[in-house]
Amino acid sequence: MITLKVEGLRYKYPDGTKALNGVNIDVIKGEFLAILGANGSGKTTLLKHLNGLLKPTFGSIILDGKRLSELKPSEVFRKVGMVFQDPNDQLLAPTVEEDVAFGPANLNLKYEEIMNRVMNALELVEMKKYAKKTINFLSYGQRKRTCIAGILAMEPEVLVLDEPTSGLDPDGVKSVMKLLKDLNRKRGITIIIATNSVDLVPVYTTRVVIMDKGKIIKEGTPESVFTDSRMLEDVKLELPQIAQLMEVLRNKDKFPINELPLTIEKARRELINLIKPVTLTVN
């Protein structure tokens, strides 16, 4: 079932920059979609169209069978929530609790319902114990989680995130991506992330779209997309690091590897099959 449909999307900024040049994509309900591309490829501009923050120069966005232009902003924001790359651009209130409550409060809900949503959202992102904490004293990762909670409190069907791991240390990256994976698999929320971190894509996402110069040039499963290393090089991207190692073993060391493993676990299984232990026979 298609939840978001992008048709012939074009967008030109006021300074004349053409950011999107005819984008077509179907977002399937319940999928975890990665939009991958180098800086300036059009990823962020595309995301900002998905919940109406930007209006197309040409083309349309269809949400659950209706054009975004036909829906009220409040209707769109209830279904499609966006988390910005920099949490400081999104956090407005003095405390965590107040910030997460901002969206539900604008839905004219009763106080009890608002606070129930706030506490549920904070629990999902493991920030409930920080509810009363001042935003200024949060770490960068905690601010990211607070932003996600603020969107979850709106109970969206689709969660859109721009570079969700930007600025995080390795532990923070793992924590945020696990959270998104759980929201996708356990809660059924459709997740769309824009990123240029190729190593994350095969581990967490179910489908990937490659963008370059405002166009989609390839899409499919990570396994199908990452078979084309020359295409990735042309758009200033690389294979995941583990796949790079396996490619070297295949091309330079002549290991008989047909399909490049994209994750550590798959590479481990491949190497175990290739490097058989030698059994010595003692007379």
Protein backbone atom coordinates (compact mmCIF):
# COMPACT_ATOMS: atom_id res chain seq x y z
CA MET A 1 0.00 0.00 0.00
CA ILE A 2 1.40 3.39 -1.05
CA THR A 3 1.23 5.98 1.73
CA LEU A 4 3.15 8.80 -0.01
CA LYS A 5 3.46 9.33 -3.74
CA VAL A 6 5.79 11.87 -5.32
CA GLU A 7 4.93 12.76 -8.92
CA GLY A 8 7.16 14.78 -11.24
CA LEU A 9 8.45 16.93 -8.39
CA ARG A 10 10.47 19.98 -9.37
CA TYR A 11 11.63 22.77 -7.12
CA LYS A 12 13.62 25.94 -7.75
CA TYR A 13 14.81 28.14 -4.89
CA PRO A 14 14.24 31.93 -5.08
CA ASP A 15 17.90 32.43 -6.07
CA GLY A 16 17.31 30.27 -9.15
CA THR A 17 18.93 27.07 -7.87
CA LYS A 18 17.19 24.01 -9.30
CA ALA A 19 17.14 21.58 -6.36
CA LEU A 20 14.72 18.96 -7.68
CA ASN A 21 14.47 17.97 -11.33
CA GLY A 22 11.54 15.62 -11.80
CA VAL A 23 11.46 13.27 -8.81
CA ASN A 24 9.09 10.30 -8.83
CA ILE A 25 8.88 7.91 -5.92
CA ASP A 26 6.34 5.74 -4.10
CA VAL A 27 6.73 5.33 -0.35
CA ILE A 28 5.27 2.03 0.82
CA LYS A 29 3.38 1.93 4.10
CA GLY A 30 5.52 0.38 6.86
CA GLU A 31 8.85 0.47 5.04
CA PHE A 32 12.16 1.88 6.27
CA LEU A 33 13.41 3.97 3.35
CA ALA A 34 16.82 5.61 3.05
CA ILE A 35 17.40 8.50 0.67
CA LEU A 36 21.11 8.44 0.00
CA GLY A 37 23.16 11.09 -1.72
CA ALA A 38 26.12 13.43 -1.43
CA ASN A 39 25.68 16.93 -0.06
CA GLY A 40 23.70 19.06 -2.52
CA SER A 41 21.97 16.09 -4.17
CA GLY A 42 18.48 17.32 -3.18
CA LYS A 43 17.77 15.02 -0.22
CA THR A 44 16.74 17.70 2.29
CA THR A 45 14.70 19.61 -0.26
CA LEU A 46 12.78 16.44 -1.08
CA LEU A 47 12.10 15.73 2.60
CA LYS A 48 10.73 19.22 3.17
CA HIS A 49 8.15 18.61 0.47
CA LEU A 50 6.86 15.42 2.10
CA ASN A 51 5.01 17.29 4.86
CA GLY A 52 4.38 20.54 3.03
CA LEU A 53 7.21 22.68 4.43
CA LEU A 54 8.07 23.51 0.82
CA LYS A 55 5.61 23.88 -2.06
CA PRO A 56 6.54 22.32 -5.41
CA THR A 57 7.44 24.49 -8.36
CA PHE A 58 5.91 21.71 -10.42
CA GLY A 59 4.51 18.27 -9.60
CA SER A 60 2.66 17.00 -6.56
CA ILE A 61 2.79 14.99 -3.34
CA ILE A 62 -0.09 12.59 -2.67
CA LEU A 63 -0.73 11.45 0.91
CA ASP A 64 -3.12 8.53 1.38
CA GLY A 65 -4.75 9.29 -1.96
CA LYS A 66 -5.08 13.08 -1.48
CA ARG A 67 -2.84 15.84 -2.76
CA LEU A 68 -1.06 17.76 -0.02
CA SER A 69 -2.32 20.98 -1.61
CA GLU A 70 -5.88 19.86 -0.82
CA LEU A 71 -5.18 19.18 2.86
CA LYS A 72 -4.91 21.57 5.77
CA PRO A 73 -1.39 21.84 7.26
CA SER A 74 -2.69 20.40 10.54
CA GLU A 75 -3.96 17.31 8.70
CA VAL A 76 -0.56 16.80 7.08
CA PHE A 77 1.42 17.33 10.28
CA ARG A 78 -0.70 14.75 12.09
CA LYS A 79 0.26 12.10 9.55
CA VAL A 80 3.77 13.11 8.48
CA GLY A 81 6.25 14.36 11.09
CA MET A 82 9.70 15.71 10.27
CA VAL A 83 12.82 15.81 12.44
CA PHE A 84 15.42 18.36 11.29
CA GLN A 85 19.13 17.65 11.03
CA ASP A 86 20.01 20.14 13.78
CA PRO A 87 17.81 19.67 16.88
CA ASN A 88 18.48 23.28 17.88
CA ASP A 89 16.39 24.37 14.90
CA GLN A 90 13.40 22.44 16.25
CA LEU A 91 13.43 22.79 20.04
CA LEU A 92 11.40 25.78 21.22
CA ALA A 93 10.23 25.34 24.82
CA PRO A 94 12.27 25.69 28.04
CA THR A 95 11.95 22.06 29.19
CA VAL A 96 11.74 18.63 27.60
CA GLU A 97 8.16 18.06 28.72
CA GLU A 98 6.96 21.43 27.46
CA ASP A 99 8.64 20.97 24.10
CA VAL A 100 7.17 17.52 23.48
CA ALA A 101 3.74 18.83 24.54
CA PHE A 102 3.82 21.68 22.01
CA GLY A 103 2.46 19.70 19.06
CA PRO A 104 -0.36 17.84 20.85
CA ALA A 105 -1.40 21.08 22.58
CA ASN A 106 -2.05 22.59 19.17
CA LEU A 107 -4.43 19.75 18.36
CA ASN A 108 -6.86 21.07 20.99
CA LEU A 109 -6.65 17.88 23.01
CA LYS A 110 -7.58 17.65 26.67
CA TYR A 111 -4.73 18.12 29.14
CA GLU A 112 -4.84 14.48 30.25
CA GLU A 113 -4.53 13.27 26.64
CA ILE A 114 -1.67 15.69 25.96
CA MET A 115 0.32 14.53 28.97
CA ASN A 116 -0.39 10.89 28.19
CA ARG A 117 1.03 11.37 24.70
CA VAL A 118 4.03 13.25 26.08
CA MET A 119 4.93 10.56 28.60
CA ASN A 120 4.41 7.75 26.08
CA ALA A 121 6.63 9.50 23.53
CA LEU A 122 9.35 10.21 26.08
CA GLU A 123 9.28 6.59 27.20
CA LEU A 124 9.70 5.40 23.61
CA VAL A 125 12.86 7.49 23.19
CA GLU A 126 14.12 6.70 26.71
CA MET A 127 13.84 10.33 27.85
CA LYS A 128 11.05 10.04 30.42
CA LYS A 129 13.37 10.66 33.38
CA TYR A 130 14.49 13.92 31.75
CA ALA A 131 10.95 15.31 31.36
CA LYS A 132 11.54 18.27 33.66
CA LYS A 133 15.07 18.96 32.47
CA THR A 134 15.95 22.26 30.83
CA ILE A 135 16.69 21.94 27.11
CA ASN A 136 19.93 23.91 27.45
CA PHE A 137 21.41 21.22 29.70
CA LEU A 138 20.73 18.29 27.35
CA SER A 139 23.46 16.60 25.36
CA TYR A 140 23.27 16.74 21.58
CA GLY A 141 21.98 13.16 21.43
CA GLN A 142 19.35 13.87 24.08
CA ARG A 143 18.18 16.84 22.05
CA LYS A 144 17.80 14.61 19.01
CA ARG A 145 15.71 12.19 21.04
CA THR A 146 13.57 15.02 22.39
CA CYS A 147 12.87 16.18 18.83
CA ILE A 148 11.84 12.66 17.85
CA ALA A 149 9.59 12.47 20.92
CA GLY A 150 7.95 15.75 19.96
CA ILE A 151 6.99 14.27 16.60
CA LEU A 152 5.93 10.92 18.07
CA ALA A 153 3.56 12.73 20.44
CA MET A 154 1.61 13.74 17.33
CA GLU A 155 1.18 10.01 16.60
CA PRO A 156 2.22 10.24 12.93
CA GLU A 157 1.98 7.47 10.37
CA VAL A 158 5.19 8.59 8.67
CA LEU A 159 8.38 9.82 10.38
CA VAL A 160 10.81 11.77 8.19
CA LEU A 161 14.33 12.49 9.46
CA ASP A 162 17.09 14.56 7.89
CA GLU A 163 20.55 13.13 8.72
CA PRO A 164 19.36 11.62 12.04
CA THR A 165 22.89 10.55 13.07
CA SER A 166 24.68 13.79 12.20
CA GLY A 167 26.81 15.08 15.07
CA LEU A 168 26.46 11.91 17.17
CA ASP A 169 29.25 9.73 18.54
CA PRO A 170 29.27 6.01 17.58
CA ASP A 171 27.20 5.01 20.60
CA GLY A 172 24.68 7.76 19.84
CA VAL A 173 24.43 6.65 16.22
CA LYS A 174 23.71 3.06 17.24
CA SER A 175 21.17 4.19 19.85
CA VAL A 176 19.20 6.46 17.51
CA MET A 177 19.18 3.98 14.64
CA LYS A 178 18.01 1.16 16.94
CA LEU A 179 15.21 3.44 18.14
CA LEU A 180 14.11 4.11 14.56
CA LYS A 181 14.29 0.42 13.69
CA ASP A 182 12.11 -0.44 16.70
CA LEU A 183 9.58 2.28 15.80
CA ASN A 184 9.41 0.83 12.31
CA ARG A 185 9.18 -2.86 13.20
CA LYS A 186 7.29 -2.78 16.49
CA ARG A 187 5.07 0.27 15.96
CA GLY A 188 4.57 0.02 12.21
CA ILE A 189 5.66 3.63 11.60
CA THR A 190 6.91 4.31 8.09
CA ILE A 191 10.44 5.72 8.41
CA ILE A 192 12.18 7.88 5.80
CA ILE A 193 15.72 9.08 6.44
CA ALA A 194 18.03 11.21 4.33
CA THR A 195 21.66 10.34 4.86
CA ASN A 196 25.08 10.08 3.25
CA SER A 197 26.22 7.42 5.74
CA VAL A 198 26.29 4.37 3.49
CA ASP A 199 27.28 1.97 6.29
CA LEU A 200 23.94 2.49 8.06
CA VAL A 201 21.76 1.69 5.07
CA PRO A 202 22.14 -2.11 4.71
CA VAL A 203 21.99 -2.63 8.49
CA TYR A 204 18.75 -0.77 9.20
CA THR A 205 16.76 0.03 6.07
CA THR A 206 14.63 -2.06 3.74
CA ARG A 207 14.94 0.10 0.60
CA VAL A 208 17.30 2.77 -0.65
CA VAL A 209 16.98 5.59 -3.14
CA ILE A 210 20.09 7.20 -4.65
CA MET A 211 19.83 10.90 -5.52
CA ASP A 212 22.17 13.06 -7.56
CA LYS A 213 21.67 16.58 -8.92
CA GLY A 214 18.03 16.63 -7.89
CA LYS A 215 17.13 13.35 -9.56
CA ILE A 216 16.63 9.76 -8.47
CA ILE A 217 19.12 7.66 -10.38
CA LYS A 218 18.62 4.25 -8.74
CA GLU A 219 16.35 2.60 -6.18
CA GLY A 220 15.82 -0.84 -4.72
CA THR A 221 16.99 -3.04 -1.89
CA PRO A 222 20.44 -2.24 -0.45
CA GLU A 223 21.71 -5.50 -1.97
CA SER A 224 20.57 -4.52 -5.47
CA VAL A 225 21.69 -0.88 -5.29
CA PHE A 226 25.15 -1.51 -3.86
CA THR A 227 26.10 -3.93 -6.63
CA ASP A 228 26.96 -0.91 -8.80
CA SER A 229 30.15 0.47 -7.25
CA ARG A 230 30.93 2.56 -10.33
CA MET A 231 27.58 4.35 -10.07
CA LEU A 232 28.24 5.09 -6.41
CA GLU A 233 31.65 6.52 -7.29
CA ASP A 234 30.08 8.72 -9.97
CA VAL A 235 27.71 10.29 -7.40
CA LYS A 236 30.51 10.71 -4.81
CA LEU A 237 29.40 7.85 -2.58
CA GLU A 238 31.18 4.66 -1.54
CA LEU A 239 30.30 1.10 -0.78
CA PRO A 240 29.86 0.28 2.92
CA GLN A 241 33.33 -0.29 4.40
CA ILE A 242 32.85 -4.02 4.91
CA ALA A 243 31.82 -4.33 1.25
CA GLN A 244 34.94 -2.39 0.24
CA LEU A 245 37.09 -4.92 2.08
CA MET A 246 35.31 -7.85 0.46
CA GLU A 247 35.68 -6.20 -2.96
CA VAL A 248 39.44 -5.94 -2.44
CA LEU A 249 39.60 -9.59 -1.39
CA ARG A 250 37.71 -10.53 -4.54
CA ASN A 251 39.53 -8.33 -7.05
CA LYS A 252 43.09 -8.32 -5.70
CA ASP A 253 43.33 -11.52 -3.68
CA LYS A 254 41.07 -13.56 -5.99
CA PHE A 255 38.68 -14.73 -3.28
CA PRO A 256 35.69 -16.40 -5.05
CA ILE A 257 33.07 -13.90 -3.85
CA ASN A 258 30.05 -13.45 -6.11
CA GLU A 259 27.84 -11.06 -4.15
CA LEU A 260 29.50 -8.49 -1.89
CA PRO A 261 28.29 -8.79 1.73
CA LEU A 262 27.07 -5.42 3.03
CA THR A 263 27.12 -6.12 6.77
CA ILE A 264 29.70 -7.54 9.18
CA GLU A 265 27.56 -10.58 9.95
CA LYS A 266 27.09 -11.49 6.28
CA ALA A 267 30.81 -10.95 5.62
CA ARG A 268 31.64 -13.17 8.59
CA ARG A 269 29.49 -16.00 7.24
CA GLU A 270 31.03 -15.60 3.77
CA LEU A 271 34.57 -15.76 5.11
CA ILE A 272 33.81 -18.79 7.29
CA ASN A 273 32.61 -20.61 4.19
CA LEU A 274 35.69 -19.56 2.21
CA ILE A 275 38.41 -20.16 4.79
CA LYS A 276 37.95 -23.75 5.82
CA PRO A 277 40.01 -25.01 8.75
CA VAL A 278 42.78 -27.37 7.70
CA THR A 279 42.55 -30.80 9.31
CA LEU A 280 45.94 -32.44 9.89
CA THR A 281 46.21 -36.20 9.84
CA VAL A 282 48.77 -37.58 12.29
CA ASN A 283 50.29 -41.00 11.47
